[in-house]
Amino acid sequence: MSQRHILLLGVATLIVMLLALLLTGQRGADSAAEGELLVPGLRAAVNDLAAVDLRAADGALIVALRRGPRGWVVENHDAYEADFRRVHDFLRELATARRAEARTALPEWHGRLGLADLGSPEASGVLVEFPGSDLAAVILGNHDSVTGTRFARLQNDQRTWLTDRPLVVAEQSVDWLERSVMDIPAGELAEVTIEHADGDRVRLRPADESGDQWVLLDVPDGREAGPRWEIRPVANGLANIVLDGVRLHVGTVPEDAVRSTYVTRDGLVFVVQLFTDAYGNWAHFSVSTEPDAADEQHLIDAAAVDARLSPWQFALSQRKFEVMTQRQESLLAPPPS
């Protein structure tokens, strides 16, 4: 072997040794950080947070959460009430998540873990930001196929980590809303009326004290009401109402809106105006009391419920919308042949 070859071999060996020392040092530094909290300072500040933003891989805003005097709201849904349990659980998990195992610090490998910078072609993670605070933003990437826990990295740090938590995040903005609107079963109602703009009307009343059976009123001559098992779901219109979207109620509803009225046994009157537009099936609620039930407590109850519901329009599922806008013909037995 020539002297030149020996020299080149020595240089190559030296480079390999330097790289090994460098990587060992980096690995040692990362290992020392294992077990630390994923987002420094978040656990101490979590109860004082005023804002949390989640962004999708393309940088689009998923949800803007803001803490107000009455709790968390979803700013990008007209500041409607947020799902407190979902927000609480997510922030608690993130605040206590730890760096279980160090992974790559090479940016070219970030995409494989779902941790590429948002907006890049390889991006697939979710960015969590804390506007108005000094807390570092964090990217949540893929879930590990073995442990089920999630990869993550701070946005301003190239190091990546396998965390000790699944850190499940709802990636649809509607899932951050308090989706339950109301749940008043048929047994608590005394009367249901559905009025269409063309004059078609449905009137229902309970057939017994329990409200388990309902009857259809104003049945035309020569016709009969359909089976009661088809009628009762209409009386359950206010039961388990879950929103699919929400927006502020501004102005008036369309002239052809269906007007459905539900009177409770204790005298509260729910008037629901229902209509469809390009964005979905919508319902607007207003609440009052019957004149003979207008004592002070009922007035207070009605005002409180109305204040919560009337400022909004709620998007309903197709099934719930159809139940609340039934026509009389659909509740009649087929005409005799």
Protein backbone atom coordinates (compact mmCIF):
# COMPACT_ATOMS: atom_id res chain seq x y z
CA MET A 1 0.00 0.00 0.00
CA SER A 2 1.37 3.37 -1.00
CA GLN A 3 2.07 6.13 1.50
CA ARG A 4 -0.71 8.20 -0.15
CA HIS A 5 -3.26 5.39 0.38
CA ILE A 6 -2.18 5.04 4.03
CA LEU A 7 -2.65 8.79 4.53
CA LEU A 8 -6.14 8.75 2.97
CA LEU A 9 -7.13 5.78 5.09
CA GLY A 10 -5.98 7.56 8.22
CA VAL A 11 -7.97 10.66 7.33
CA ALA A 12 -11.11 8.60 6.68
CA THR A 13 -10.66 6.78 9.98
CA LEU A 14 -10.31 10.09 11.79
CA ILE A 15 -13.49 11.43 10.18
CA VAL A 16 -15.43 8.31 11.20
CA MET A 17 -14.14 8.62 14.77
CA LEU A 18 -15.12 12.30 14.92
CA LEU A 19 -18.61 11.52 13.59
CA ALA A 20 -18.99 8.72 16.11
CA LEU A 21 -17.97 11.03 18.94
CA LEU A 22 -20.36 13.71 17.68
CA LEU A 23 -23.29 11.31 17.42
CA THR A 24 -22.46 9.78 20.78
CA GLY A 25 -22.39 13.21 22.34
CA GLN A 26 -25.70 14.12 20.74
CA ARG A 27 -27.24 10.84 21.81
CA GLY A 28 -25.93 11.43 25.32
CA ALA A 29 -27.48 14.89 25.42
CA ASP A 30 -30.79 13.53 24.15
CA SER A 31 -30.73 10.66 26.62
CA ALA A 32 -30.23 13.12 29.44
CA ALA A 33 -33.45 14.87 28.36
CA GLU A 34 -35.48 11.66 28.30
CA GLY A 35 -38.14 11.72 30.98
CA GLU A 36 -38.49 15.49 30.89
CA LEU A 37 -41.85 17.13 30.17
CA LEU A 38 -42.55 17.43 26.48
CA VAL A 39 -43.52 21.12 26.56
CA PRO A 40 -41.42 22.94 29.16
CA GLY A 41 -43.47 25.24 31.37
CA LEU A 42 -46.88 24.06 30.19
CA ARG A 43 -47.80 22.14 33.34
CA ALA A 44 -47.15 25.18 35.52
CA ALA A 45 -49.05 27.50 33.19
CA VAL A 46 -51.93 25.29 32.06
CA ASN A 47 -54.49 26.78 34.47
CA ASP A 48 -53.63 30.30 33.30
CA LEU A 49 -53.69 29.68 29.55
CA ALA A 50 -55.87 32.13 27.64
CA ALA A 51 -55.53 30.76 24.11
CA VAL A 52 -54.73 27.53 22.25
CA ASP A 53 -54.65 27.15 18.46
CA LEU A 54 -54.50 23.88 16.52
CA ARG A 55 -53.38 23.88 12.89
CA ALA A 56 -53.53 21.15 10.26
CA ALA A 57 -50.61 19.93 8.17
CA ASP A 58 -51.24 22.57 5.50
CA GLY A 59 -51.25 25.33 8.11
CA ALA A 60 -55.03 25.79 8.05
CA LEU A 61 -56.63 26.60 11.39
CA ILE A 62 -58.50 23.67 12.93
CA VAL A 63 -59.67 25.38 16.08
CA ALA A 64 -58.95 28.58 18.00
CA LEU A 65 -59.77 28.04 21.68
CA ARG A 66 -60.09 31.08 23.91
CA ARG A 67 -60.73 31.19 27.64
CA GLY A 68 -63.33 33.79 28.61
CA PRO A 69 -65.18 34.74 31.77
CA ARG A 70 -67.56 31.80 31.32
CA GLY A 71 -64.99 29.21 30.23
CA TRP A 72 -63.51 28.02 26.95
CA VAL A 73 -65.08 29.05 23.65
CA VAL A 74 -64.34 28.23 20.01
CA GLU A 75 -63.39 31.54 18.44
CA ASN A 76 -63.64 30.32 14.84
CA HIS A 77 -67.25 29.29 15.50
CA ASP A 78 -68.43 32.73 16.60
CA ALA A 79 -67.13 32.13 20.14
CA TYR A 80 -69.63 29.34 20.82
CA GLU A 81 -69.13 27.26 23.97
CA ALA A 82 -66.34 24.69 23.74
CA ASP A 83 -66.57 21.10 24.94
CA PHE A 84 -65.05 21.65 28.39
CA ARG A 85 -64.21 17.99 28.95
CA ARG A 86 -62.41 17.65 25.63
CA VAL A 87 -60.37 20.82 26.19
CA HIS A 88 -59.57 19.92 29.79
CA ASP A 89 -58.49 16.37 28.97
CA PHE A 90 -56.35 17.40 26.01
CA LEU A 91 -54.49 20.13 27.91
CA ARG A 92 -53.98 17.87 30.92
CA GLU A 93 -52.51 15.13 28.73
CA LEU A 94 -50.27 17.54 26.85
CA ALA A 95 -49.11 19.28 30.02
CA THR A 96 -48.07 16.00 31.65
CA ALA A 97 -46.69 14.25 28.54
CA ARG A 98 -43.02 13.30 28.80
CA ARG A 99 -40.18 12.59 26.40
CA ALA A 100 -40.06 8.83 26.69
CA GLU A 101 -37.43 8.13 24.03
CA ALA A 102 -35.22 10.29 21.82
CA ARG A 103 -35.52 9.84 18.07
CA THR A 104 -33.90 11.47 15.06
CA ALA A 105 -32.77 15.09 14.98
CA LEU A 106 -32.28 15.03 11.19
CA PRO A 107 -34.89 17.19 9.41
CA GLU A 108 -34.90 14.89 6.37
CA TRP A 109 -36.32 12.13 8.60
CA HIS A 110 -39.01 14.22 10.27
CA GLY A 111 -41.60 13.44 7.61
CA ARG A 112 -41.48 9.71 8.42
CA LEU A 113 -42.60 10.46 11.95
CA GLY A 114 -45.27 12.95 10.88
CA LEU A 115 -43.17 15.79 12.28
CA ALA A 116 -42.19 17.75 9.16
CA ASP A 117 -42.74 21.50 9.30
CA LEU A 118 -46.30 22.49 8.51
CA GLY A 119 -46.80 23.51 4.92
CA SER A 120 -44.03 21.25 3.61
CA PRO A 121 -44.87 18.42 1.17
CA GLU A 122 -44.20 15.79 3.85
CA ALA A 123 -46.23 17.47 6.60
CA SER A 124 -48.94 15.35 8.24
CA GLY A 125 -48.94 16.37 11.89
CA VAL A 126 -50.92 18.82 14.00
CA LEU A 127 -49.37 22.00 15.37
CA VAL A 128 -50.41 23.17 18.84
CA GLU A 129 -49.70 26.83 19.58
CA PHE A 130 -50.20 28.95 22.69
CA PRO A 131 -50.80 32.53 21.48
CA GLY A 132 -49.96 35.27 23.94
CA SER A 133 -47.60 33.09 25.98
CA ASP A 134 -43.91 32.18 25.93
CA LEU A 135 -44.65 28.47 25.61
CA ALA A 136 -43.09 26.67 22.65
CA ALA A 137 -45.41 25.38 19.96
CA VAL A 138 -45.36 21.60 19.52
CA ILE A 139 -45.98 19.38 16.51
CA LEU A 140 -47.82 16.12 17.20
CA GLY A 141 -46.99 13.45 14.64
CA ASN A 142 -47.72 9.80 14.00
CA HIS A 143 -48.62 7.21 16.61
CA ASP A 144 -46.04 4.51 17.24
CA SER A 145 -47.28 1.16 15.95
CA VAL A 146 -45.89 -0.69 18.97
CA THR A 147 -46.63 1.51 21.99
CA GLY A 148 -49.57 3.51 20.60
CA THR A 149 -47.99 6.66 21.97
CA ARG A 150 -47.29 9.68 19.79
CA PHE A 151 -44.19 11.20 18.22
CA ALA A 152 -43.69 14.90 18.86
CA ARG A 153 -41.20 17.72 18.58
CA LEU A 154 -41.09 21.34 19.58
CA GLN A 155 -41.48 23.55 16.53
CA ASN A 156 -38.22 25.40 17.21
CA ASP A 157 -36.22 22.23 17.91
CA GLN A 158 -35.00 19.61 15.42
CA ARG A 159 -34.95 16.85 18.04
CA THR A 160 -37.87 14.42 17.97
CA TRP A 161 -39.34 12.30 20.72
CA LEU A 162 -41.54 9.34 21.31
CA THR A 163 -43.83 10.51 24.10
CA ASP A 164 -45.45 8.48 26.85
CA ARG A 165 -49.00 9.44 25.84
CA PRO A 166 -51.32 8.79 22.86
CA LEU A 167 -52.15 12.54 22.77
CA VAL A 168 -55.33 12.06 20.75
CA VAL A 169 -56.48 15.28 19.04
CA ALA A 170 -59.84 15.96 17.37
CA GLU A 171 -58.97 17.30 13.92
CA GLN A 172 -62.44 18.61 13.01
CA SER A 173 -63.36 21.98 14.47
CA VAL A 174 -66.95 20.93 15.18
CA ASP A 175 -65.70 18.25 17.58
CA TRP A 176 -64.34 20.97 19.88
CA LEU A 177 -67.81 22.48 20.31
CA GLU A 178 -70.20 21.59 23.12
CA ARG A 179 -72.39 19.60 20.77
CA SER A 180 -75.25 18.75 23.10
CA VAL A 181 -77.97 21.37 22.65
CA MET A 182 -80.82 19.89 24.71
CA ASP A 183 -82.49 16.64 25.69
CA ILE A 184 -86.20 16.91 26.48
CA PRO A 185 -87.92 13.54 25.97
CA ALA A 186 -91.50 13.18 24.82
CA GLY A 187 -92.59 12.22 28.34
CA GLU A 188 -91.96 15.80 29.50
CA LEU A 189 -94.09 17.37 26.76
CA ALA A 190 -97.80 18.22 26.69
CA GLU A 191 -98.22 19.15 23.03
CA VAL A 192 -96.34 19.28 19.72
CA THR A 193 -97.35 21.33 16.67
CA ILE A 194 -95.53 21.46 13.32
CA GLU A 195 -96.65 24.14 10.87
CA HIS A 196 -95.48 24.44 7.25
CA ALA A 197 -95.61 27.62 5.19
CA ASP A 198 -98.16 26.05 2.81
CA GLY A 199 -100.63 25.44 5.66
CA ASP A 200 -99.87 21.79 6.33
CA ARG A 201 -100.02 21.15 10.07
CA VAL A 202 -99.26 18.31 12.48
CA ARG A 203 -100.69 18.34 16.01
CA LEU A 204 -99.78 15.72 18.60
CA ARG A 205 -100.82 15.14 22.19
CA PRO A 206 -99.94 12.37 24.67
CA ALA A 207 -102.45 9.58 25.03
CA ASP A 208 -101.50 8.84 28.64
CA GLU A 209 -99.90 10.46 31.66
CA SER A 210 -96.53 8.87 31.02
CA GLY A 211 -96.21 10.35 27.54
CA ASP A 212 -95.19 6.97 26.13
CA GLN A 213 -98.05 6.99 23.63
CA TRP A 214 -99.02 9.92 21.42
CA VAL A 215 -102.02 10.57 19.19
CA LEU A 216 -102.35 12.53 15.99
CA LEU A 217 -105.06 15.21 16.05
CA ASP A 218 -107.09 16.68 13.17
CA VAL A 219 -107.13 13.46 11.17
CA PRO A 220 -109.03 14.14 7.89
CA ASP A 221 -112.38 12.46 7.30
CA GLY A 222 -111.99 9.05 5.69
CA ARG A 223 -108.40 8.65 6.92
CA GLU A 224 -106.80 7.09 9.96
CA ALA A 225 -103.67 7.93 11.90
CA GLY A 226 -100.66 5.75 11.32
CA PRO A 227 -99.32 3.39 13.99
CA ARG A 228 -98.28 5.04 17.23
CA TRP A 229 -94.74 3.74 16.95
CA GLU A 230 -94.37 6.01 13.90
CA ILE A 231 -95.90 9.01 15.68
CA ARG A 232 -93.92 8.91 18.93
CA PRO A 233 -90.52 9.75 17.35
CA VAL A 234 -92.03 13.06 16.18
CA ALA A 235 -92.97 13.86 19.78
CA ASN A 236 -89.33 13.17 20.65
CA GLY A 237 -88.13 16.06 18.49
CA LEU A 238 -86.41 17.84 21.39
CA ALA A 239 -84.75 14.67 22.68
CA ASN A 240 -80.99 14.33 22.28
CA ILE A 241 -80.43 17.29 19.96
CA VAL A 242 -76.76 17.31 18.94
CA LEU A 243 -75.42 20.08 16.73
CA ASP A 244 -73.47 19.46 13.53
CA GLY A 245 -72.50 23.14 13.34
CA VAL A 246 -73.40 26.51 14.82
CA ARG A 247 -73.49 30.15 13.78
CA LEU A 248 -74.82 33.41 15.15
CA HIS A 249 -78.47 34.19 14.50
CA VAL A 250 -78.60 37.46 12.62
CA GLY A 251 -81.70 38.95 11.04
CA THR A 252 -84.64 36.68 10.32
CA VAL A 253 -85.20 33.16 9.05
CA PRO A 254 -86.58 32.47 5.56
CA GLU A 255 -90.31 33.00 5.04
CA ASP A 256 -90.82 29.33 4.18
CA ALA A 257 -89.25 28.08 7.42
CA VAL A 258 -91.13 25.35 9.26
CA ARG A 259 -92.39 26.39 12.69
CA SER A 260 -92.39 23.60 15.28
CA THR A 261 -93.74 24.29 18.76
CA TYR A 262 -93.12 22.07 21.79
CA VAL A 263 -94.96 22.79 25.06
CA THR A 264 -93.61 21.14 28.18
CA ARG A 265 -95.82 19.86 30.99
CA ASP A 266 -94.59 22.66 33.26
CA GLY A 267 -95.49 25.38 30.76
CA LEU A 268 -92.29 26.21 28.87
CA VAL A 269 -92.82 26.84 25.15
CA PHE A 270 -90.04 26.02 22.67
CA VAL A 271 -90.59 27.52 19.22
CA VAL A 272 -88.20 26.11 16.61
CA GLN A 273 -87.88 27.62 13.14
CA LEU A 274 -86.32 25.15 10.72
CA PHE A 275 -84.94 25.77 7.24
CA THR A 276 -82.30 24.57 4.80
CA ASP A 277 -79.66 26.54 2.92
CA ALA A 278 -76.41 25.81 1.11
CA TYR A 279 -74.64 25.18 4.42
CA GLY A 280 -76.99 22.66 6.00
CA ASN A 281 -80.23 22.11 7.89
CA TRP A 282 -80.70 24.81 10.51
CA ALA A 283 -82.81 25.34 13.61
CA HIS A 284 -83.38 28.53 15.60
CA PHE A 285 -84.91 28.24 19.08
CA SER A 286 -86.83 30.75 21.14
CA VAL A 287 -88.23 29.99 24.58
CA SER A 288 -91.13 31.54 26.50
CA THR A 289 -93.89 30.46 28.90
CA GLU A 290 -97.57 29.77 28.54
CA PRO A 291 -99.71 32.59 30.01
CA ASP A 292 -101.15 30.40 32.78
CA ALA A 293 -97.66 29.21 33.78
CA ALA A 294 -96.03 32.64 33.84
CA ASP A 295 -95.08 32.72 37.51
CA GLU A 296 -91.78 34.24 38.53
CA GLN A 297 -89.78 31.00 38.53
CA HIS A 298 -91.06 29.94 35.11
CA LEU A 299 -90.25 33.36 33.70
CA ILE A 300 -86.73 33.10 35.09
CA ASP A 301 -86.28 29.58 33.69
CA ALA A 302 -87.59 30.56 30.26
CA ALA A 303 -85.39 33.66 30.11
CA ALA A 304 -82.30 31.65 31.05
CA VAL A 305 -82.89 28.96 28.44
CA ASP A 306 -83.79 31.52 25.78
CA ALA A 307 -80.61 33.50 26.51
CA ARG A 308 -78.56 30.36 25.89
CA LEU A 309 -80.32 29.23 22.72
CA SER A 310 -81.83 32.18 20.85
CA PRO A 311 -78.56 33.91 19.83
CA TRP A 312 -77.65 30.89 17.68
CA GLN A 313 -78.63 28.82 14.69
CA PHE A 314 -77.81 25.13 15.05
CA ALA A 315 -77.05 22.77 12.18
CA LEU A 316 -78.92 19.48 12.64
CA SER A 317 -78.46 16.04 11.19
CA GLN A 318 -80.72 15.13 8.29
CA ARG A 319 -82.56 12.59 10.45
CA LYS A 320 -83.30 15.03 13.28
CA PHE A 321 -84.33 17.75 10.80
CA GLU A 322 -86.81 15.38 9.12
CA VAL A 323 -88.31 14.37 12.48
CA MET A 324 -88.89 18.01 13.44
CA THR A 325 -90.42 18.94 10.05
CA GLN A 326 -92.80 16.04 9.48
CA ARG A 327 -95.94 16.55 7.40
CA GLN A 328 -99.36 15.21 8.31
CA GLU A 329 -99.51 12.83 5.37
CA SER A 330 -96.44 10.97 6.56
CA LEU A 331 -98.20 10.21 9.87
CA LEU A 332 -101.43 8.95 8.31
CA ALA A 333 -102.20 5.37 7.43
CA PRO A 334 -102.37 4.69 3.67
CA PRO A 335 -105.79 5.61 2.25
CA PRO A 336 -108.16 2.69 1.70
CA SER A 337 -107.95 1.25 -1.76
